[in-house]
Amino acid sequence: PRVATCQHLKVLRGFCCNLLALEVQDFTPEVQEAVGRVQSVEQTQALITHARELGYRGINLDLIYGLPYQTEETFDACLDQVLALDPDRVAVYSFAFVPWMKAHMRTLPAEAFPSREVKFALLDVARERFLQAGYADIGMDHFAKPQDELSRAAGAGRLHRNFMGYCVRPASDLIGLGISAIGDVDGALVQNVKKLSEYKDAITRGALPVERGWERSPEDRLRGSVIQELMCNGGLDLERFRDRTGLDFHRTFAEELSALRPHVENGLVTIAQDRIQATETGRLFVRTLATCFDADRATPAGGATKVLRRGVWA
C-alpha cells in the first residue's frame, strides 16, 4: 500500500487480474517504525476501496506475528483495524528471522522480539478473532469469508496450493512474472533474477530472466502430492492414493509413517489403514506433519535430477 497506486491497479485489472493481496504486517506505529514499513490504515483502505470499484474480488491482507514490539494487546488492536477493512481473506504469517539471508534484518532490535510463548499467543489471538468474526479457518494460518471461493473450495475438498498460497483449482503450469518470482513449469521450478536491472536487461534481450531452477524427479512429485493433500485438506485418502499411483502407501512410506507416529501420541494426527487425518489441533501444526514426508528437509539434494543456474541445466 505504500507504493501501489490506483493506476497500478487499473493497469493490472486491464490484464484480467482479479485477486489482490496487500501486505499490512501490523498497523501498530511502533512496530511499523521498527521494521521500516510505515503505512497508515487510510492508505490501505483507499487502495481496497479503489480495487473493489475496479472489480477486484478476493482481497487478501497479509499480517505477520512475531515482529518487534508486538504484544497481545497491540496485536488485538491491530486486528480491530483489519476487521474494519473487511477483507475477503487474511493470511497470518509467522515472522522468520533470517539475518544471514536478509541483511536488513540485522538492524532489527533483537531485544524487542516477543518470546516464543507470546508469539504463539499472538497467533491464538488472531485465530480467535477471525473465527469469531465468521471467517473460516482454511489452514496454514489462512482465513476466508464463508462465501469466498477459497472457503467453498476448502469445504468441497478442492483446495490446492502453489508458491503464492492457496488456490481453488490446480494448474499444470504456474508462470512467475517479475523479479524473484517463482514458476512451476512442466515439473521444473524456476526463479527469476532478484535485481530489476538484470530482469529488464534479460527481457530487452529476449531472454528468460531466470536465475536458478530445479527439475523434480518422479519421487519429488509423488512426495509433493502427499504434502499437498496434507496442507490443503488436512488428510490423505490412502485408497485413493493407491488407485491413483498403484502404490501401497504403508509400504512406500514406511519410514515416514514411523516419523509421523510420535505425532499420533501427541494428538496431532491419526493413522488408519485407509486414511491419515490431522486432528483439529494438528491442523495448526500441519507443516510439522508434512515435514515427515519431505526427503529434502535435511539436505537439499533429494531426488531432483537437474539444477538450473543462470539459464544452464547442470
Protein backbone atom coordinates (compact mmCIF):
# COMPACT_ATOMS: atom_id res chain seq x y z
CA PRO A 1 0.00 0.00 0.00
CA ARG A 2 2.92 2.41 0.43
CA VAL A 3 3.92 2.28 -3.23
CA ALA A 4 0.94 0.81 -5.11
CA THR A 5 -1.26 3.36 -6.82
CA CYS A 6 -4.77 3.32 -8.20
CA GLN A 7 -3.23 3.49 -11.68
CA HIS A 8 -1.26 0.31 -10.96
CA LEU A 9 -4.48 -1.46 -10.03
CA LYS A 10 -6.23 -0.17 -13.15
CA VAL A 11 -3.47 -1.43 -15.45
CA LEU A 12 -3.40 -4.86 -13.78
CA ARG A 13 -7.19 -5.09 -13.94
CA GLY A 14 -6.87 -4.45 -17.67
CA PHE A 15 -4.77 -7.63 -17.85
CA CYS A 16 -7.66 -9.53 -16.19
CA CYS A 17 -6.08 -9.64 -12.73
CA ASN A 18 -8.91 -10.07 -10.25
CA LEU A 19 -7.30 -11.05 -6.94
CA LEU A 20 -5.34 -8.65 -4.77
CA ALA A 21 -3.08 -9.33 -1.78
CA LEU A 22 -1.84 -6.37 0.26
CA GLU A 23 0.99 -6.53 2.78
CA VAL A 24 -0.07 -4.98 6.07
CA GLN A 25 2.08 -6.86 8.59
CA ASP A 26 0.89 -4.71 11.52
CA PHE A 27 -0.80 -1.32 11.92
CA THR A 28 0.87 -0.54 15.27
CA PRO A 29 3.08 2.57 14.72
CA GLU A 30 5.92 1.33 16.96
CA VAL A 31 6.03 -1.99 15.12
CA GLN A 32 5.92 -0.30 11.74
CA GLU A 33 8.78 2.01 12.69
CA ALA A 34 10.90 -0.94 13.88
CA VAL A 35 10.51 -2.92 10.64
CA GLY A 36 10.66 0.09 8.32
CA ARG A 37 7.17 -0.43 6.93
CA VAL A 38 5.24 2.71 7.86
CA GLN A 39 1.81 2.85 6.24
CA SER A 40 -1.49 4.16 7.52
CA VAL A 41 -4.82 2.41 7.76
CA GLU A 42 -6.17 5.15 5.50
CA GLN A 43 -3.67 4.29 2.73
CA THR A 44 -4.71 0.66 2.86
CA GLN A 45 -8.42 1.49 2.99
CA ALA A 46 -8.16 3.79 -0.04
CA LEU A 47 -6.46 1.08 -2.10
CA ILE A 48 -9.03 -1.55 -1.09
CA THR A 49 -11.92 0.78 -1.95
CA HIS A 50 -10.50 1.54 -5.37
CA ALA A 51 -9.74 -2.13 -6.05
CA ARG A 52 -13.34 -3.07 -5.34
CA GLU A 53 -14.59 -0.26 -7.57
CA LEU A 54 -12.43 -1.74 -10.36
CA GLY A 55 -13.94 -5.20 -9.87
CA TYR A 56 -11.27 -6.98 -7.85
CA ARG A 57 -12.54 -9.82 -5.68
CA GLY A 58 -10.86 -12.00 -3.07
CA ILE A 59 -8.99 -9.09 -1.50
CA ASN A 60 -6.43 -10.52 0.92
CA LEU A 61 -4.49 -8.82 3.71
CA ASP A 62 -1.17 -10.28 4.89
CA LEU A 63 -0.32 -9.98 8.59
CA ILE A 64 2.84 -11.07 10.39
CA TYR A 65 3.15 -12.12 14.02
CA GLY A 66 6.44 -12.26 15.90
CA LEU A 67 7.64 -8.77 14.93
CA PRO A 68 9.48 -6.45 17.35
CA TYR A 69 7.31 -4.72 19.99
CA GLN A 70 4.23 -6.81 19.25
CA THR A 71 2.15 -7.74 22.30
CA GLU A 72 -1.21 -9.45 22.64
CA GLU A 73 -2.80 -6.07 23.37
CA THR A 74 -1.28 -4.22 20.41
CA PHE A 75 -1.96 -7.07 18.01
CA ASP A 76 -5.56 -7.30 19.19
CA ALA A 77 -5.96 -3.58 18.46
CA CYS A 78 -4.40 -4.12 15.04
CA LEU A 79 -6.94 -6.87 14.36
CA ASP A 80 -9.75 -4.41 15.14
CA GLN A 81 -8.46 -2.24 12.31
CA VAL A 82 -8.01 -5.18 9.97
CA LEU A 83 -11.55 -6.44 10.54
CA ALA A 84 -12.88 -2.92 9.94
CA LEU A 85 -11.32 -3.07 6.47
CA ASP A 86 -13.50 -6.14 5.82
CA PRO A 87 -11.05 -8.22 3.71
CA ASP A 88 -12.28 -11.34 1.95
CA ARG A 89 -9.22 -13.28 3.04
CA VAL A 90 -6.46 -12.92 5.60
CA ALA A 91 -3.07 -14.62 5.89
CA VAL A 92 -1.33 -14.52 9.28
CA TYR A 93 2.32 -15.44 8.71
CA SER A 94 4.94 -16.26 11.31
CA PHE A 95 7.90 -13.89 11.15
CA ALA A 96 11.07 -15.68 10.03
CA PHE A 97 14.20 -14.02 11.41
CA VAL A 98 16.89 -14.88 8.83
CA PRO A 99 19.57 -12.15 9.01
CA TRP A 100 22.08 -14.41 7.23
CA MET A 101 19.78 -14.28 4.17
CA LYS A 102 18.38 -10.76 4.50
CA ALA A 103 20.97 -8.28 5.71
CA HIS A 104 18.44 -5.59 6.63
CA MET A 105 17.16 -7.83 9.44
CA ARG A 106 20.44 -7.32 11.30
CA THR A 107 19.24 -3.84 12.25
CA LEU A 108 16.09 -5.11 13.97
CA PRO A 109 16.08 -4.71 17.78
CA ALA A 110 16.56 -8.31 18.91
CA GLU A 111 15.61 -7.45 22.49
CA ALA A 112 12.14 -6.36 21.31
CA PHE A 113 11.13 -9.65 19.71
CA PRO A 114 8.23 -11.36 21.50
CA SER A 115 9.07 -14.57 23.33
CA ARG A 116 8.08 -17.92 21.91
CA GLU A 117 5.13 -18.08 24.30
CA VAL A 118 3.93 -14.61 23.31
CA LYS A 119 4.36 -15.43 19.65
CA PHE A 120 2.05 -18.45 20.00
CA ALA A 121 -0.39 -16.25 21.90
CA LEU A 122 -0.42 -13.73 19.03
CA LEU A 123 -1.47 -16.43 16.59
CA ASP A 124 -4.09 -17.65 19.04
CA VAL A 125 -5.50 -14.13 19.36
CA ALA A 126 -5.67 -13.77 15.58
CA ARG A 127 -7.32 -17.15 15.08
CA GLU A 128 -9.91 -16.46 17.77
CA ARG A 129 -10.76 -13.02 16.40
CA PHE A 130 -11.21 -14.18 12.80
CA LEU A 131 -13.28 -17.21 13.78
CA GLN A 132 -15.49 -15.01 15.97
CA ALA A 133 -15.91 -12.64 13.03
CA GLY A 134 -17.24 -15.50 10.90
CA TYR A 135 -14.17 -16.30 8.83
CA ALA A 136 -13.42 -19.94 8.00
CA ASP A 137 -10.10 -21.47 9.01
CA ILE A 138 -8.66 -22.54 5.67
CA GLY A 139 -5.46 -23.91 7.22
CA MET A 140 -1.80 -22.88 7.39
CA ASP A 141 -2.73 -19.59 9.13
CA HIS A 142 -5.18 -18.54 6.38
CA PHE A 143 -8.76 -17.40 6.88
CA ALA A 144 -11.53 -16.52 4.43
CA LYS A 145 -15.16 -15.44 4.49
CA PRO A 146 -17.61 -18.36 4.07
CA GLN A 147 -18.87 -17.01 0.72
CA ASP A 148 -15.35 -16.59 -0.67
CA GLU A 149 -14.42 -19.14 -3.33
CA LEU A 150 -11.45 -20.22 -1.19
CA SER A 151 -13.78 -21.26 1.63
CA ARG A 152 -16.08 -23.06 -0.78
CA ALA A 153 -13.15 -24.96 -2.28
CA ALA A 154 -11.90 -25.93 1.18
CA GLY A 155 -15.35 -27.20 2.16
CA ALA A 156 -15.56 -29.29 -1.01
CA GLY A 157 -12.04 -30.73 -0.61
CA ARG A 158 -10.89 -28.94 -3.80
CA LEU A 159 -8.26 -26.72 -2.22
CA HIS A 160 -4.80 -26.57 -3.80
CA ARG A 161 -1.60 -24.74 -3.03
CA ASN A 162 1.18 -23.11 -5.05
CA PHE A 163 4.01 -20.65 -4.37
CA MET A 164 1.54 -17.81 -3.90
CA GLY A 165 -0.52 -19.71 -1.32
CA TYR A 166 -3.87 -21.44 -1.51
CA CYS A 167 -5.84 -21.55 -4.74
CA VAL A 168 -9.17 -23.01 -5.81
CA ARG A 169 -8.02 -25.25 -8.62
CA PRO A 170 -4.80 -26.95 -9.78
CA ALA A 171 -2.80 -25.65 -12.72
CA SER A 172 -0.40 -27.70 -14.80
CA ASP A 173 1.89 -24.66 -15.02
CA LEU A 174 2.45 -21.59 -12.89
CA ILE A 175 4.32 -18.69 -14.50
CA GLY A 176 6.09 -16.20 -12.25
CA LEU A 177 6.37 -12.65 -13.60
CA GLY A 178 8.67 -10.02 -12.14
CA ILE A 179 11.85 -10.06 -10.07
CA SER A 180 12.40 -13.09 -7.79
CA ALA A 181 9.11 -14.66 -8.92
CA ILE A 182 8.98 -18.47 -8.87
CA GLY A 183 7.38 -20.53 -11.61
CA ASP A 184 6.42 -24.19 -11.80
CA VAL A 185 6.58 -25.25 -15.44
CA ASP A 186 6.36 -28.84 -16.66
CA GLY A 187 7.70 -30.18 -13.37
CA ALA A 188 10.61 -27.74 -13.16
CA LEU A 189 10.81 -25.00 -10.55
CA VAL A 190 12.36 -21.76 -11.85
CA GLN A 191 13.12 -18.50 -10.08
CA ASN A 192 13.70 -15.16 -11.76
CA VAL A 193 16.64 -12.90 -11.00
CA LYS A 194 16.27 -10.64 -7.98
CA LYS A 195 17.67 -7.38 -9.40
CA LEU A 196 15.38 -5.21 -11.51
CA SER A 197 18.25 -4.09 -13.79
CA GLU A 198 19.12 -7.73 -14.60
CA TYR A 199 15.47 -8.58 -15.16
CA LYS A 200 14.94 -5.67 -17.56
CA ASP A 201 18.18 -6.48 -19.41
CA ALA A 202 17.12 -10.09 -19.97
CA ILE A 203 13.67 -9.07 -21.20
CA THR A 204 15.21 -6.49 -23.55
CA ARG A 205 17.49 -9.19 -25.00
CA GLY A 206 14.55 -11.53 -25.47
CA ALA A 207 15.92 -13.97 -22.89
CA LEU A 208 14.19 -15.62 -19.96
CA PRO A 209 15.15 -13.73 -16.76
CA VAL A 210 15.72 -16.97 -14.86
CA GLU A 211 18.42 -17.20 -12.21
CA ARG A 212 18.07 -20.78 -10.98
CA GLY A 213 15.83 -23.81 -11.21
CA TRP A 214 15.18 -27.36 -10.12
CA GLU A 215 13.84 -30.24 -12.18
CA ARG A 216 11.84 -32.56 -9.98
CA SER A 217 12.13 -36.32 -10.16
CA PRO A 218 9.08 -38.65 -10.11
CA GLU A 219 9.74 -39.20 -6.40
CA ASP A 220 9.74 -35.44 -5.80
CA ARG A 221 6.35 -35.19 -7.49
CA LEU A 222 4.95 -38.14 -5.54
CA ARG A 223 6.04 -36.65 -2.22
CA GLY A 224 4.75 -33.27 -3.32
CA SER A 225 1.29 -34.71 -3.92
CA VAL A 226 1.23 -36.18 -0.39
CA ILE A 227 2.35 -32.89 1.17
CA GLN A 228 -0.22 -31.04 -0.96
CA GLU A 229 -3.06 -33.17 0.39
CA LEU A 230 -1.98 -32.74 3.99
CA MET A 231 -1.56 -28.98 3.72
CA CYS A 232 -4.75 -28.38 1.75
CA ASN A 233 -7.20 -30.93 3.08
CA GLY A 234 -5.67 -31.94 6.39
CA GLY A 235 -5.60 -35.60 5.49
CA LEU A 236 -4.92 -38.25 2.89
CA ASP A 237 -7.21 -40.96 1.48
CA LEU A 238 -4.85 -43.91 1.16
CA GLU A 239 -7.17 -45.97 -1.03
CA ARG A 240 -7.45 -43.11 -3.49
CA PHE A 241 -3.66 -42.77 -3.35
CA ARG A 242 -3.30 -46.45 -4.32
CA ASP A 243 -5.83 -46.11 -7.14
CA ARG A 244 -4.00 -43.06 -8.49
CA THR A 245 -0.42 -44.33 -8.17
CA GLY A 246 -0.67 -48.11 -7.95
CA LEU A 247 1.42 -47.98 -4.76
CA ASP A 248 0.73 -49.22 -1.26
CA PHE A 249 1.14 -46.14 0.94
CA HIS A 250 2.11 -48.00 4.12
CA ARG A 251 4.87 -49.87 2.28
CA THR A 252 6.08 -46.93 0.17
CA PHE A 253 6.29 -44.52 3.10
CA ALA A 254 7.10 -46.89 5.95
CA GLU A 255 9.94 -44.71 7.29
CA GLU A 256 7.87 -41.56 7.01
CA LEU A 257 4.99 -43.15 8.90
CA SER A 258 7.43 -44.07 11.68
CA ALA A 259 8.44 -40.41 11.86
CA LEU A 260 4.76 -39.43 11.96
CA ARG A 261 3.75 -41.79 14.80
CA PRO A 262 5.10 -39.63 17.65
CA HIS A 263 2.62 -37.00 16.49
CA VAL A 264 -0.14 -39.59 16.94
CA GLU A 265 0.85 -39.81 20.60
CA ASN A 266 0.83 -36.01 20.79
CA GLY A 267 -2.73 -35.95 19.50
CA LEU A 268 -1.91 -34.17 16.24
CA VAL A 269 -2.79 -36.89 13.72
CA THR A 270 -4.48 -40.28 13.37
CA ILE A 271 -3.18 -43.09 11.16
CA ALA A 272 -5.56 -45.81 9.91
CA GLN A 273 -5.24 -48.43 7.21
CA ASP A 274 -7.18 -46.29 4.76
CA ARG A 275 -6.59 -42.72 5.92
CA ILE A 276 -4.20 -40.27 7.56
CA GLN A 277 -6.03 -37.38 9.21
CA ALA A 278 -4.80 -34.35 11.12
CA THR A 279 -6.81 -33.61 14.26
CA GLU A 280 -8.27 -30.17 14.89
CA THR A 281 -5.16 -29.30 16.89
CA GLY A 282 -2.94 -30.99 14.33
CA ARG A 283 -4.19 -28.73 11.55
CA LEU A 284 -2.46 -25.87 13.38
CA PHE A 285 0.81 -27.80 13.04
CA VAL A 286 0.29 -29.25 9.58
CA ARG A 287 3.72 -28.01 8.45
CA THR A 288 5.27 -30.26 11.10
CA LEU A 289 3.23 -33.24 9.89
CA ALA A 290 4.07 -32.58 6.25
CA THR A 291 7.79 -32.34 7.03
CA CYS A 292 7.80 -36.08 7.76
CA PHE A 293 7.30 -36.67 4.02
CA ASP A 294 9.94 -34.18 2.84
CA ALA A 295 13.03 -36.11 1.80
CA ASP A 296 14.97 -32.84 1.38
CA ARG A 297 14.34 -31.47 4.86
CA ALA A 298 17.86 -32.34 6.00
CA THR A 299 19.91 -31.95 2.82
CA PRO A 300 18.90 -30.12 -0.36
CA ALA A 301 19.88 -32.98 -2.63
CA GLY A 302 16.78 -35.14 -2.73
CA GLY A 303 15.72 -36.95 -5.87
CA ALA A 304 15.84 -33.97 -8.20
CA THR A 305 17.61 -34.78 -11.42
CA LYS A 306 18.87 -31.41 -12.65
CA VAL A 307 19.66 -27.97 -11.31
CA LEU A 308 19.44 -24.78 -13.36
CA ARG A 309 21.88 -21.96 -12.66
CA ARG A 310 21.92 -18.82 -14.76
CA GLY A 311 19.97 -20.45 -17.57
CA VAL A 312 22.02 -23.65 -17.90
CA TRP A 313 20.85 -27.09 -16.73
CA ALA A 314 23.65 -28.90 -14.86
